[in-house]
Amino acid sequence: MVTLDEKRKIHAKNLEKAVQEILKKFSDKAERISIFGSYARGRRDLFTDLDVLIIMKSNKPFLERLRDILNLGPKSRCRYIMVYSRRI
């Protein structure tokens, strides 16, 4: 049986893994990646999700850019995701 403390540690590791996956996948394409909300304030409990803003150069439509993030998988715990491209 997994204890509550073990669940918290697993969840915190999954959040950190999701941040690393986002940075790995988008850092070369993004002009800016911002994590905001409770995770950015240091909260790492079982109710914490990731709030992510990515500004990147892309010719893809908004929904395709959003799908790229969502395809990171359910463990990413991204809840509020904004992927914007500057208009040229």
Foldseek 3Di string as FASTA:
>chain_A
DADQVNVLVVLLVLQVVLVVVCCVVPVVFFPDKDWDDPVVVPDRGPVDATAIETEGADPDDQVVVVVVSPVVDPSNRHDHYGYHYDDD
